[in-house]
PDB file of N, CA and C in Angstrom:
ATOM      1  N   GLN A   1       5.486   2.753  34.328  1.00  0.00           N
ATOM      2  CA  GLN A   1       6.366   2.245  33.286  1.00  0.00           C
ATOM      3  C   GLN A   1       5.714   2.483  31.925  1.00  0.00           C
ATOM      4  N   VAL A   2       6.479   2.988  30.984  1.00  0.00           N
ATOM      5  CA  VAL A   2       6.008   3.229  29.630  1.00  0.00           C
ATOM      6  C   VAL A   2       6.944   2.515  28.666  1.00  0.00           C
ATOM      7  N   GLN A   3       6.374   1.748  27.773  1.00  0.00           N
ATOM      8  CA  GLN A   3       7.169   1.110  26.718  1.00  0.00           C
ATOM      9  C   GLN A   3       6.850   1.772  25.392  1.00  0.00           C
ATOM     10  N   LEU A   4       7.895   2.036  24.609  1.00  0.00           N
ATOM     11  CA  LEU A   4       7.749   2.781  23.364  1.00  0.00           C
ATOM     12  C   LEU A   4       8.291   1.946  22.210  1.00  0.00           C
ATOM     13  N   VAL A   5       7.559   1.899  21.114  1.00  0.00           N
ATOM     14  CA  VAL A   5       7.978   1.155  19.936  1.00  0.00           C
ATOM     15  C   VAL A   5       7.817   2.052  18.707  1.00  0.00           C
ATOM     16  N   GLU A   6       8.949   2.353  18.056  1.00  0.00           N
ATOM     17  CA  GLU A   6       8.927   3.178  16.862  1.00  0.00           C
ATOM     18  C   GLU A   6       8.720   2.328  15.618  1.00  0.00           C
ATOM     19  N   SER A   7       8.152   2.946  14.596  1.00  0.00           N
ATOM     20  CA  SER A   7       7.997   2.304  13.292  1.00  0.00           C
ATOM     21  C   SER A   7       7.914   3.377  12.225  1.00  0.00           C
ATOM     22  N   GLY A   8       8.024   2.951  10.968  1.00  0.00           N
ATOM     23  CA  GLY A   8       7.849   3.883   9.860  1.00  0.00           C
ATOM     24  C   GLY A   8       9.125   4.327   9.190  1.00  0.00           C
ATOM     25  N   GLY A   9      10.268   3.898   9.716  1.00  0.00           N
ATOM     26  CA  GLY A   9      11.514   4.268   9.074  1.00  0.00           C
ATOM     27  C   GLY A   9      11.708   3.524   7.764  1.00  0.00           C
ATOM     28  N   GLY A  10      12.732   3.915   7.044  1.00  0.00           N
ATOM     29  CA  GLY A  10      13.018   3.263   5.771  1.00  0.00           C
ATOM     30  C   GLY A  10      13.963   4.069   4.924  1.00  0.00           C
ATOM     31  N   LEU A  11      14.025   3.687   3.661  1.00  0.00           N
ATOM     32  CA  LEU A  11      14.900   4.346   2.688  1.00  0.00           C
ATOM     33  C   LEU A  11      14.039   5.226   1.786  1.00  0.00           C
ATOM     34  N   VAL A  12      14.437   6.468   1.624  1.00  0.00           N
ATOM     35  CA  VAL A  12      13.685   7.406   0.795  1.00  0.00           C
ATOM     36  C   VAL A  12      14.667   8.307   0.068  1.00  0.00           C
ATOM     37  N   GLN A  13      14.274   8.770  -1.095  1.00  0.00           N
ATOM     38  CA  GLN A  13      15.126   9.688  -1.842  1.00  0.00           C
ATOM     39  C   GLN A  13      15.010  11.100  -1.263  1.00  0.00           C
ATOM     40  N   ALA A  14      16.036  11.890  -1.485  1.00  0.00           N
ATOM     41  CA  ALA A  14      16.012  13.283  -1.051  1.00  0.00           C
ATOM     42  C   ALA A  14      14.784  13.978  -1.637  1.00  0.00           C
ATOM     43  N   GLY A  15      14.124  14.774  -0.800  1.00  0.00           N
ATOM     44  CA  GLY A  15      12.896  15.444  -1.197  1.00  0.00           C
ATOM     45  C   GLY A  15      11.639  14.669  -0.874  1.00  0.00           C
ATOM     46  N   GLY A  16      11.801  13.422  -0.488  1.00  0.00           N
ATOM     47  CA  GLY A  16      10.663  12.587  -0.164  1.00  0.00           C
ATOM     48  C   GLY A  16      10.174  12.781   1.262  1.00  0.00           C
ATOM     49  N   SER A  17       9.205  11.946   1.631  1.00  0.00           N
ATOM     50  CA  SER A  17       8.570  12.055   2.939  1.00  0.00           C
ATOM     51  C   SER A  17       8.488  10.696   3.626  1.00  0.00           C
ATOM     52  N   LEU A  18       8.469  10.734   4.931  1.00  0.00           N
ATOM     53  CA  LEU A  18       8.211   9.573   5.763  1.00  0.00           C
ATOM     54  C   LEU A  18       7.411  10.035   6.982  1.00  0.00           C
ATOM     55  N   ARG A  19       6.612   9.126   7.515  1.00  0.00           N
ATOM     56  CA  ARG A  19       5.941   9.404   8.778  1.00  0.00           C
ATOM     57  C   ARG A  19       6.334   8.345   9.781  1.00  0.00           C
ATOM     58  N   LEU A  20       6.981   8.769  10.834  1.00  0.00           N
ATOM     59  CA  LEU A  20       7.346   7.873  11.911  1.00  0.00           C
ATOM     60  C   LEU A  20       6.215   7.821  12.935  1.00  0.00           C
ATOM     61  N   SER A  21       6.036   6.653  13.507  1.00  0.00           N
ATOM     62  CA  SER A  21       5.054   6.478  14.576  1.00  0.00           C
ATOM     63  C   SER A  21       5.754   5.913  15.800  1.00  0.00           C
ATOM     64  N   CYS A  22       5.226   6.236  16.944  1.00  0.00           N
ATOM     65  CA  CYS A  22       5.740   5.711  18.198  1.00  0.00           C
ATOM     66  C   CYS A  22       4.540   5.305  19.042  1.00  0.00           C
ATOM     67  N   ALA A  23       4.373   4.000  19.208  1.00  0.00           N
ATOM     68  CA  ALA A  23       3.260   3.475  19.991  1.00  0.00           C
ATOM     69  C   ALA A  23       3.699   3.272  21.429  1.00  0.00           C
ATOM     70  N   ALA A  24       2.902   3.764  22.349  1.00  0.00           N
ATOM     71  CA  ALA A  24       3.235   3.686  23.771  1.00  0.00           C
ATOM     72  C   ALA A  24       2.275   2.761  24.502  1.00  0.00           C
ATOM     73  N   SER A  25       2.818   2.006  25.415  1.00  0.00           N
ATOM     74  CA  SER A  25       1.977   1.193  26.294  1.00  0.00           C
ATOM     75  C   SER A  25       1.686   1.993  27.554  1.00  0.00           C
ATOM     76  N   GLY A  26       0.688   1.562  28.301  1.00  0.00           N
ATOM     77  CA  GLY A  26       0.406   2.233  29.559  1.00  0.00           C
ATOM     78  C   GLY A  26      -0.717   3.226  29.431  1.00  0.00           C
ATOM     79  N   HIS A  27      -1.475   3.386  30.469  1.00  0.00           N
ATOM     80  CA  HIS A  27      -2.649   4.234  30.447  1.00  0.00           C
ATOM     81  C   HIS A  27      -2.338   5.660  30.834  1.00  0.00           C
ATOM     82  N   THR A  28      -1.064   5.990  31.068  1.00  0.00           N
ATOM     83  CA  THR A  28      -0.708   7.340  31.476  1.00  0.00           C
ATOM     84  C   THR A  28      -0.048   8.123  30.356  1.00  0.00           C
ATOM     85  N   PHE A  29      -0.180   7.653  29.128  1.00  0.00           N
ATOM     86  CA  PHE A  29       0.485   8.291  27.989  1.00  0.00           C
ATOM     87  C   PHE A  29       0.156   9.766  27.913  1.00  0.00           C
ATOM     88  N   SER A  30      -1.094  10.108  28.145  1.00  0.00           N
ATOM     89  CA  SER A  30      -1.524  11.498  27.975  1.00  0.00           C
ATOM     90  C   SER A  30      -0.902  12.447  28.992  1.00  0.00           C
ATOM     91  N   SER A  31      -0.243  11.931  29.996  1.00  0.00           N
ATOM     92  CA  SER A  31       0.390  12.791  30.992  1.00  0.00           C
ATOM     93  C   SER A  31       1.862  13.055  30.674  1.00  0.00           C
ATOM     94  N   TYR A  32       2.363  12.472  29.604  1.00  0.00           N
ATOM     95  CA  TYR A  32       3.764  12.621  29.235  1.00  0.00           C
ATOM     96  C   TYR A  32       3.932  13.553  28.049  1.00  0.00           C
ATOM     97  N   SER A  33       4.951  14.404  28.126  1.00  0.00           N
ATOM     98  CA  SER A  33       5.436  15.075  26.931  1.00  0.00           C
ATOM     99  C   SER A  33       6.255  14.058  26.137  1.00  0.00           C
ATOM    100  N   MET A  34       6.212  14.196  24.842  1.00  0.00           N
ATOM    101  CA  MET A  34       6.893  13.231  23.970  1.00  0.00           C
ATOM    102  C   MET A  34       7.899  13.946  23.078  1.00  0.00           C
ATOM    103  N   GLY A  35       8.999  13.265  22.859  1.00  0.00           N
ATOM    104  CA  GLY A  35      10.025  13.857  22.015  1.00  0.00           C
ATOM    105  C   GLY A  35      10.554  12.870  20.994  1.00  0.00           C
ATOM    106  N   TRP A  36      11.114  13.403  19.945  1.00  0.00           N
ATOM    107  CA  TRP A  36      11.854  12.631  18.940  1.00  0.00           C
ATOM    108  C   TRP A  36      13.305  13.098  18.955  1.00  0.00           C
ATOM    109  N   PHE A  37      14.206  12.141  18.930  1.00  0.00           N
ATOM    110  CA  PHE A  37      15.630  12.389  18.867  1.00  0.00           C
ATOM    111  C   PHE A  37      16.196  11.573  17.712  1.00  0.00           C
ATOM    112  N   ARG A  38      17.435  11.875  17.335  1.00  0.00           N
ATOM    113  CA  ARG A  38      18.086  11.076  16.304  1.00  0.00           C
ATOM    114  C   ARG A  38      19.578  10.973  16.593  1.00  0.00           C
ATOM    115  N   GLN A  39      20.153   9.934  16.012  1.00  0.00           N
ATOM    116  CA  GLN A  39      21.576   9.682  16.254  1.00  0.00           C
ATOM    117  C   GLN A  39      22.200   9.018  15.046  1.00  0.00           C
ATOM    118  N   VAL A  40      23.371   9.496  14.690  1.00  0.00           N
ATOM    119  CA  VAL A  40      24.177   8.848  13.661  1.00  0.00           C
ATOM    120  C   VAL A  40      25.407   8.268  14.331  1.00  0.00           C
ATOM    121  N   PRO A  41      25.988   7.234  13.741  1.00  0.00           N
ATOM    122  CA  PRO A  41      27.155   6.591  14.364  1.00  0.00           C
ATOM    123  C   PRO A  41      28.266   7.588  14.620  1.00  0.00           C
ATOM    124  N   GLY A  42      28.832   7.519  15.818  1.00  0.00           N
ATOM    125  CA  GLY A  42      29.951   8.379  16.150  1.00  0.00           C
ATOM    126  C   GLY A  42      29.574   9.751  16.647  1.00  0.00           C
ATOM    127  N   LYS A  43      28.274  10.040  16.671  1.00  0.00           N
ATOM    128  CA  LYS A  43      27.816  11.345  17.143  1.00  0.00           C
ATOM    129  C   LYS A  43      26.843  11.179  18.300  1.00  0.00           C
ATOM    130  N   GLU A  44      26.674  12.250  19.043  1.00  0.00           N
ATOM    131  CA  GLU A  44      25.726  12.219  20.147  1.00  0.00           C
ATOM    132  C   GLU A  44      24.292  12.233  19.633  1.00  0.00           C
ATOM    133  N   ARG A  45      23.425  11.652  20.440  1.00  0.00           N
ATOM    134  CA  ARG A  45      22.007  11.707  20.117  1.00  0.00           C
ATOM    135  C   ARG A  45      21.541  13.163  20.248  1.00  0.00           C
ATOM    136  N   GLU A  46      20.743  13.615  19.279  1.00  0.00           N
ATOM    137  CA  GLU A  46      20.324  15.019  19.285  1.00  0.00           C
ATOM    138  C   GLU A  46      18.821  15.165  19.262  1.00  0.00           C
ATOM    139  N   PHE A  47      18.356  16.247  19.861  1.00  0.00           N
ATOM    140  CA  PHE A  47      16.943  16.547  19.892  1.00  0.00           C
ATOM    141  C   PHE A  47      16.434  16.904  18.503  1.00  0.00           C
ATOM    142  N   VAL A  48      15.221  16.460  18.187  1.00  0.00           N
ATOM    143  CA  VAL A  48      14.592  16.799  16.904  1.00  0.00           C
ATOM    144  C   VAL A  48      13.319  17.606  17.127  1.00  0.00           C
ATOM    145  N   ALA A  49      12.411  17.075  17.952  1.00  0.00           N
ATOM    146  CA  ALA A  49      11.116  17.743  18.152  1.00  0.00           C
ATOM    147  C   ALA A  49      10.492  17.238  19.432  1.00  0.00           C
ATOM    148  N   ARG A  50       9.606  18.040  20.002  1.00  0.00           N
ATOM    149  CA  ARG A  50       8.887  17.581  21.178  1.00  0.00           C
ATOM    150  C   ARG A  50       7.478  18.191  21.173  1.00  0.00           C
ATOM    151  N   ILE A  51       6.586  17.541  21.908  1.00  0.00           N
ATOM    152  CA  ILE A  51       5.202  18.015  22.027  1.00  0.00           C
ATOM    153  C   ILE A  51       4.759  17.839  23.464  1.00  0.00           C
ATOM    154  N   ARG A  52       4.085  18.849  23.983  1.00  0.00           N
ATOM    155  CA  ARG A  52       3.660  18.823  25.382  1.00  0.00           C
ATOM    156  C   ARG A  52       2.556  17.794  25.592  1.00  0.00           C
ATOM    157  N   TRP A  53       2.320  17.442  26.829  1.00  0.00           N
ATOM    158  CA  TRP A  53       1.356  16.391  27.150  1.00  0.00           C
ATOM    159  C   TRP A  53      -0.048  16.686  26.623  1.00  0.00           C
ATOM    160  N   ASP A  54      -0.395  17.969  26.478  1.00  0.00           N
ATOM    161  CA  ASP A  54      -1.734  18.322  26.016  1.00  0.00           C
ATOM    162  C   ASP A  54      -1.769  18.618  24.513  1.00  0.00           C
ATOM    163  N   GLY A  55      -0.686  18.339  23.832  1.00  0.00           N
ATOM    164  CA  GLY A  55      -0.649  18.582  22.401  1.00  0.00           C
ATOM    165  C   GLY A  55      -0.190  19.974  22.011  1.00  0.00           C
ATOM    166  N   GLY A  56       0.019  20.817  22.996  1.00  0.00           N
ATOM    167  CA  GLY A  56       0.452  22.170  22.707  1.00  0.00           C
ATOM    168  C   GLY A  56       1.965  22.303  22.800  1.00  0.00           C
ATOM    169  N   ARG A  57       2.443  23.522  22.575  1.00  0.00           N
ATOM    170  CA  ARG A  57       3.861  23.870  22.738  1.00  0.00           C
ATOM    171  C   ARG A  57       4.775  22.866  22.038  1.00  0.00           C
ATOM    172  N   THR A  58       4.644  22.761  20.752  1.00  0.00           N
ATOM    173  CA  THR A  58       5.609  21.979  19.989  1.00  0.00           C
ATOM    174  C   THR A  58       6.877  22.798  19.822  1.00  0.00           C
ATOM    175  N   TYR A  59       7.982  22.077  19.629  1.00  0.00           N
ATOM    176  CA  TYR A  59       9.279  22.751  19.491  1.00  0.00           C
ATOM    177  C   TYR A  59      10.166  21.881  18.618  1.00  0.00           C
ATOM    178  N   TYR A  60      10.958  22.533  17.743  1.00  0.00           N
ATOM    179  CA  TYR A  60      11.783  21.800  16.773  1.00  0.00           C
ATOM    180  C   TYR A  60      13.208  22.344  16.771  1.00  0.00           C
ATOM    181  N   ARG A  61      14.130  21.461  16.411  1.00  0.00           N
ATOM    182  CA  ARG A  61      15.473  21.978  16.148  1.00  0.00           C
ATOM    183  C   ARG A  61      15.412  22.792  14.863  1.00  0.00           C
ATOM    184  N   ASP A  62      16.314  23.764  14.765  1.00  0.00           N
ATOM    185  CA  ASP A  62      16.240  24.706  13.654  1.00  0.00           C
ATOM    186  C   ASP A  62      16.305  24.020  12.288  1.00  0.00           C
ATOM    187  N   SER A  63      17.111  22.990  12.167  1.00  0.00           N
ATOM    188  CA  SER A  63      17.337  22.380  10.849  1.00  0.00           C
ATOM    189  C   SER A  63      16.117  21.632  10.313  1.00  0.00           C
ATOM    190  N   VAL A  64      15.118  21.392  11.147  1.00  0.00           N
ATOM    191  CA  VAL A  64      13.929  20.652  10.676  1.00  0.00           C
ATOM    192  C   VAL A  64      12.673  21.521  10.674  1.00  0.00           C
ATOM    193  N   LYS A  65      12.784  22.738  11.166  1.00  0.00           N
ATOM    194  CA  LYS A  65      11.613  23.626  11.205  1.00  0.00           C
ATOM    195  C   LYS A  65      11.062  23.834   9.794  1.00  0.00           C
ATOM    196  N   GLY A  66       9.755  23.738   9.672  1.00  0.00           N
ATOM    197  CA  GLY A  66       9.113  23.895   8.374  1.00  0.00           C
ATOM    198  C   GLY A  66       9.082  22.628   7.540  1.00  0.00           C
ATOM    199  N   ARG A  67       9.814  21.604   7.959  1.00  0.00           N
ATOM    200  CA  ARG A  67       9.836  20.323   7.216  1.00  0.00           C
ATOM    201  C   ARG A  67       9.232  19.197   8.035  1.00  0.00           C
ATOM    202  N   PHE A  68       9.441  19.201   9.334  1.00  0.00           N
ATOM    203  CA  PHE A  68       8.962  18.123  10.216  1.00  0.00           C
ATOM    204  C   PHE A  68       7.803  18.633  11.064  1.00  0.00           C
ATOM    205  N   THR A  69       6.874  17.741  11.357  1.00  0.00           N
ATOM    206  CA  THR A  69       5.751  18.076  12.231  1.00  0.00           C
ATOM    207  C   THR A  69       5.539  16.948  13.224  1.00  0.00           C
ATOM    208  N   ILE A  70       5.519  17.297  14.495  1.00  0.00           N
ATOM    209  CA  ILE A  70       5.230  16.320  15.537  1.00  0.00           C
ATOM    210  C   ILE A  70       3.766  16.459  15.944  1.00  0.00           C
ATOM    211  N   SER A  71       3.127  15.332  16.183  1.00  0.00           N
ATOM    212  CA  SER A  71       1.733  15.342  16.624  1.00  0.00           C
ATOM    213  C   SER A  71       1.496  14.113  17.498  1.00  0.00           C
ATOM    214  N   ARG A  72       0.359  14.115  18.156  1.00  0.00           N
ATOM    215  CA  ARG A  72       0.051  12.976  19.019  1.00  0.00           C
ATOM    216  C   ARG A  72      -1.442  12.665  18.946  1.00  0.00           C
ATOM    217  N   ASP A  73      -1.756  11.400  19.154  1.00  0.00           N
ATOM    218  CA  ASP A  73      -3.140  10.938  19.221  1.00  0.00           C
ATOM    219  C   ASP A  73      -3.255  10.140  20.514  1.00  0.00           C
ATOM    220  N   ASP A  74      -3.773  10.769  21.545  1.00  0.00           N
ATOM    221  CA  ASP A  74      -3.825  10.110  22.845  1.00  0.00           C
ATOM    222  C   ASP A  74      -4.812   8.947  22.863  1.00  0.00           C
ATOM    223  N   ALA A  75      -5.798   8.973  22.002  1.00  0.00           N
ATOM    224  CA  ALA A  75      -6.733   7.849  21.927  1.00  0.00           C
ATOM    225  C   ALA A  75      -6.037   6.589  21.428  1.00  0.00           C
ATOM    226  N   LYS A  76      -4.971   6.775  20.654  1.00  0.00           N
ATOM    227  CA  LYS A  76      -4.209   5.639  20.126  1.00  0.00           C
ATOM    228  C   LYS A  76      -2.876   5.462  20.844  1.00  0.00           C
ATOM    229  N   ASN A  77      -2.612   6.285  21.854  1.00  0.00           N
ATOM    230  CA  ASN A  77      -1.329   6.225  22.569  1.00  0.00           C
ATOM    231  C   ASN A  77      -0.153   6.285  21.598  1.00  0.00           C
ATOM    232  N   THR A  78      -0.225   7.195  20.655  1.00  0.00           N
ATOM    233  CA  THR A  78       0.769   7.248  19.598  1.00  0.00           C
ATOM    234  C   THR A  78       1.208   8.687  19.348  1.00  0.00           C
ATOM    235  N   VAL A  79       2.496   8.845  19.122  1.00  0.00           N
ATOM    236  CA  VAL A  79       3.046  10.117  18.688  1.00  0.00           C
ATOM    237  C   VAL A  79       3.654   9.929  17.307  1.00  0.00           C
ATOM    238  N   TYR A  80       3.543  10.950  16.483  1.00  0.00           N
ATOM    239  CA  TYR A  80       3.996  10.873  15.100  1.00  0.00           C
ATOM    240  C   TYR A  80       5.054  11.930  14.815  1.00  0.00           C
ATOM    241  N   LEU A  81       5.858  11.639  13.810  1.00  0.00           N
ATOM    242  CA  LEU A  81       6.762  12.637  13.258  1.00  0.00           C
ATOM    243  C   LEU A  81       6.633  12.581  11.748  1.00  0.00           C
ATOM    244  N   GLN A  82       5.957  13.562  11.196  1.00  0.00           N
ATOM    245  CA  GLN A  82       5.848  13.682   9.748  1.00  0.00           C
ATOM    246  C   GLN A  82       7.065  14.413   9.234  1.00  0.00           C
ATOM    247  N   MET A  83       7.793  13.779   8.326  1.00  0.00           N
ATOM    248  CA  MET A  83       9.036  14.343   7.808  1.00  0.00           C
ATOM    249  C   MET A  83       8.890  14.550   6.306  1.00  0.00           C
ATOM    250  N   ASN A  84       8.934  15.790   5.900  1.00  0.00           N
ATOM    251  CA  ASN A  84       8.837  16.144   4.487  1.00  0.00           C
ATOM    252  C   ASN A  84      10.137  16.777   4.011  1.00  0.00           C
ATOM    253  N   SER A  85      10.292  16.847   2.702  1.00  0.00           N
ATOM    254  CA  SER A  85      11.486  17.456   2.098  1.00  0.00           C
ATOM    255  C   SER A  85      12.756  16.918   2.752  1.00  0.00           C
ATOM    256  N   LEU A  86      12.826  15.630   2.848  1.00  0.00           N
ATOM    257  CA  LEU A  86      13.960  15.013   3.534  1.00  0.00           C
ATOM    258  C   LEU A  86      15.265  15.260   2.801  1.00  0.00           C
ATOM    259  N   LYS A  87      16.325  15.357   3.600  1.00  0.00           N
ATOM    260  CA  LYS A  87      17.668  15.617   3.083  1.00  0.00           C
ATOM    261  C   LYS A  87      18.586  14.482   3.525  1.00  0.00           C
ATOM    262  N   PRO A  88      19.669  14.258   2.801  1.00  0.00           N
ATOM    263  CA  PRO A  88      20.612  13.210   3.218  1.00  0.00           C
ATOM    264  C   PRO A  88      21.097  13.396   4.656  1.00  0.00           C
ATOM    265  N   GLU A  89      21.225  14.621   5.101  1.00  0.00           N
ATOM    266  CA  GLU A  89      21.699  14.856   6.469  1.00  0.00           C
ATOM    267  C   GLU A  89      20.653  14.509   7.528  1.00  0.00           C
ATOM    268  N   ASP A  90      19.447  14.164   7.121  1.00  0.00           N
ATOM    269  CA  ASP A  90      18.445  13.659   8.065  1.00  0.00           C
ATOM    270  C   ASP A  90      18.628  12.170   8.355  1.00  0.00           C
ATOM    271  N   THR A  91      19.535  11.531   7.629  1.00  0.00           N
ATOM    272  CA  THR A  91      19.787  10.114   7.847  1.00  0.00           C
ATOM    273  C   THR A  91      20.265   9.859   9.269  1.00  0.00           C
ATOM    274  N   ALA A  92      19.584   8.957   9.966  1.00  0.00           N
ATOM    275  CA  ALA A  92      19.907   8.668  11.371  1.00  0.00           C
ATOM    276  C   ALA A  92      18.971   7.579  11.873  1.00  0.00           C
ATOM    277  N   VAL A  93      19.264   7.100  13.056  1.00  0.00           N
ATOM    278  CA  VAL A  93      18.288   6.309  13.802  1.00  0.00           C
ATOM    279  C   VAL A  93      17.446   7.287  14.621  1.00  0.00           C
ATOM    280  N   TYR A  94      16.142   7.172  14.484  1.00  0.00           N
ATOM    281  CA  TYR A  94      15.231   8.075  15.175  1.00  0.00           C
ATOM    282  C   TYR A  94      14.610   7.355  16.370  1.00  0.00           C
ATOM    283  N   TYR A  95      14.628   8.051  17.502  1.00  0.00           N
ATOM    284  CA  TYR A  95      14.120   7.503  18.747  1.00  0.00           C
ATOM    285  C   TYR A  95      12.980   8.380  19.268  1.00  0.00           C
ATOM    286  N   CYS A  96      11.961   7.773  19.816  1.00  0.00           N
ATOM    287  CA  CYS A  96      10.982   8.553  20.556  1.00  0.00           C
ATOM    288  C   CYS A  96      11.232   8.352  22.043  1.00  0.00           C
ATOM    289  N   ALA A  97      10.784   9.323  22.815  1.00  0.00           N
ATOM    290  CA  ALA A  97      11.035   9.307  24.247  1.00  0.00           C
ATOM    291  C   ALA A  97       9.897  10.008  24.976  1.00  0.00           C
ATOM    292  N   ALA A  98       9.699   9.638  26.219  1.00  0.00           N
ATOM    293  CA  ALA A  98       8.631  10.195  27.044  1.00  0.00           C
ATOM    294  C   ALA A  98       9.217  10.895  28.258  1.00  0.00           C
ATOM    295  N   SER A  99       8.625  12.040  28.572  1.00  0.00           N
ATOM    296  CA  SER A  99       9.144  12.851  29.674  1.00  0.00           C
ATOM    297  C   SER A  99       8.013  13.332  30.576  1.00  0.00           C
ATOM    298  N   ARG A 100       8.270  13.369  31.875  1.00  0.00           N
ATOM    299  CA  ARG A 100       7.296  13.938  32.819  1.00  0.00           C
ATOM    300  C   ARG A 100       7.421  15.458  32.875  1.00  0.00           C
ATOM    301  N   THR A 101       8.471  15.970  32.251  1.00  0.00           N
ATOM    302  CA  THR A 101       8.651  17.421  32.216  1.00  0.00           C
ATOM    303  C   THR A 101       8.540  17.876  30.768  1.00  0.00           C
ATOM    304  N   LEU A 102       9.089  19.001  30.467  1.00  0.00           N
ATOM    305  CA  LEU A 102       9.025  19.547  29.115  1.00  0.00           C
ATOM    306  C   LEU A 102      10.406  20.078  28.788  1.00  0.00           C
ATOM    307  N   GLY A 103      11.247  19.232  28.203  1.00  0.00           N
ATOM    308  CA  GLY A 103      12.619  19.638  27.990  1.00  0.00           C
ATOM    309  C   GLY A 103      13.154  19.279  26.628  1.00  0.00           C
ATOM    310  N   LEU A 104      14.396  19.647  26.430  1.00  0.00           N
ATOM    311  CA  LEU A 104      15.074  19.389  25.168  1.00  0.00           C
ATOM    312  C   LEU A 104      16.251  18.435  25.327  1.00  0.00           C
ATOM    313  N   SER A 105      16.677  18.207  26.554  1.00  0.00           N
ATOM    314  CA  SER A 105      17.878  17.396  26.755  1.00  0.00           C
ATOM    315  C   SER A 105      17.521  15.949  27.065  1.00  0.00           C
ATOM    316  N   LEU A 106      18.448  15.066  26.727  1.00  0.00           N
ATOM    317  CA  LEU A 106      18.208  13.634  26.872  1.00  0.00           C
ATOM    318  C   LEU A 106      17.884  13.251  28.309  1.00  0.00           C
ATOM    319  N   ASP A 107      18.547  13.878  29.270  1.00  0.00           N
ATOM    320  CA  ASP A 107      18.362  13.459  30.655  1.00  0.00           C
ATOM    321  C   ASP A 107      17.010  13.870  31.235  1.00  0.00           C
ATOM    322  N   GLN A 108      16.233  14.614  30.474  1.00  0.00           N
ATOM    323  CA  GLN A 108      14.893  14.984  30.917  1.00  0.00           C
ATOM    324  C   GLN A 108      13.846  13.973  30.467  1.00  0.00           C
ATOM    325  N   TYR A 109      14.269  12.963  29.739  1.00  0.00           N
ATOM    326  CA  TYR A 109      13.350  11.954  29.226  1.00  0.00           C
ATOM    327  C   TYR A 109      13.538  10.647  29.981  1.00  0.00           C
ATOM    328  N   ASP A 110      12.411  10.069  30.380  1.00  0.00           N
ATOM    329  CA  ASP A 110      12.439   8.923  31.286  1.00  0.00           C
ATOM    330  C   ASP A 110      12.388   7.579  30.573  1.00  0.00           C
ATOM    331  N   TYR A 111      11.755   7.539  29.415  1.00  0.00           N
ATOM    332  CA  TYR A 111      11.577   6.275  28.704  1.00  0.00           C
ATOM    333  C   TYR A 111      11.947   6.469  27.235  1.00  0.00           C
ATOM    334  N   TRP A 112      12.540   5.414  26.663  1.00  0.00           N
ATOM    335  CA  TRP A 112      13.036   5.478  25.291  1.00  0.00           C
ATOM    336  C   TRP A 112      12.620   4.231  24.521  1.00  0.00           C
ATOM    337  N   GLY A 113      12.379   4.422  23.238  1.00  0.00           N
ATOM    338  CA  GLY A 113      12.208   3.295  22.346  1.00  0.00           C
ATOM    339  C   GLY A 113      13.553   2.813  21.829  1.00  0.00           C
ATOM    340  N   LEU A 114      13.519   1.791  21.005  1.00  0.00           N
ATOM    341  CA  LEU A 114      14.758   1.200  20.466  1.00  0.00           C
ATOM    342  C   LEU A 114      15.198   1.848  19.165  1.00  0.00           C
ATOM    343  N   GLY A 115      14.343   2.669  18.582  1.00  0.00           N
ATOM    344  CA  GLY A 115      14.733   3.413  17.393  1.00  0.00           C
ATOM    345  C   GLY A 115      14.295   2.776  16.096  1.00  0.00           C
ATOM    346  N   THR A 116      14.239   3.620  15.062  1.00  0.00           N
ATOM    347  CA  THR A 116      13.937   3.176  13.706  1.00  0.00           C
ATOM    348  C   THR A 116      14.863   3.910  12.751  1.00  0.00           C
ATOM    349  N   GLN A 117      15.412   3.183  11.788  1.00  0.00           N
ATOM    350  CA  GLN A 117      16.405   3.754  10.872  1.00  0.00           C
ATOM    351  C   GLN A 117      15.718   4.542   9.764  1.00  0.00           C
ATOM    352  N   VAL A 118      16.210   5.740   9.531  1.00  0.00           N
ATOM    353  CA  VAL A 118      15.794   6.561   8.390  1.00  0.00           C
ATOM    354  C   VAL A 118      17.030   6.822   7.544  1.00  0.00           C
ATOM    355  N   THR A 119      16.941   6.477   6.272  1.00  0.00           N
ATOM    356  CA  THR A 119      18.041   6.692   5.349  1.00  0.00           C
ATOM    357  C   THR A 119      17.533   7.500   4.165  1.00  0.00           C
ATOM    358  N   VAL A 120      18.183   8.627   3.912  1.00  0.00           N
ATOM    359  CA  VAL A 120      17.795   9.504   2.807  1.00  0.00           C
ATOM    360  C   VAL A 120      18.916   9.492   1.779  1.00  0.00           C
ATOM    361  N   SER A 121      18.618   9.027   0.601  1.00  0.00           N
ATOM    362  CA  SER A 121      19.628   8.953  -0.450  1.00  0.00           C
ATOM    363  C   SER A 121      19.613  10.226  -1.289  1.00  0.00           C
ATOM    364  N   SER A 122      20.795  10.575  -1.777  1.00  0.00           N
ATOM    365  CA  SER A 122      20.907  11.812  -2.587  1.00  0.00           C
ATOM    366  C   SER A 122      20.678  11.529  -4.057  1.00  0.00           C
TER     367      SER A 122
END
């Protein structure tokens, strides 16, 4: 069982930055690939970024490439999402998730946090 708690969301102006954190419980964190997803009301939850269990093979959705960076610190059981050059269309609830595989779809992730709100004003 893995429990995930996101933090770091908030209100920021367009062009600004935020760093999201996701703290995981459990001693098996390092065996999970981790992903970030986001969702706006009325739309499906969408993939944002993922990182393999060993810190390699990061992958991003096209709209965030070059602006967002996913990383992990297994000593702290934490995964991060550094978000730079934020745009109003990045506004969403951001969720972290843990997977025993390495995928992009929601059904490949076994554990989810409750999310943190990111709002980017124009």
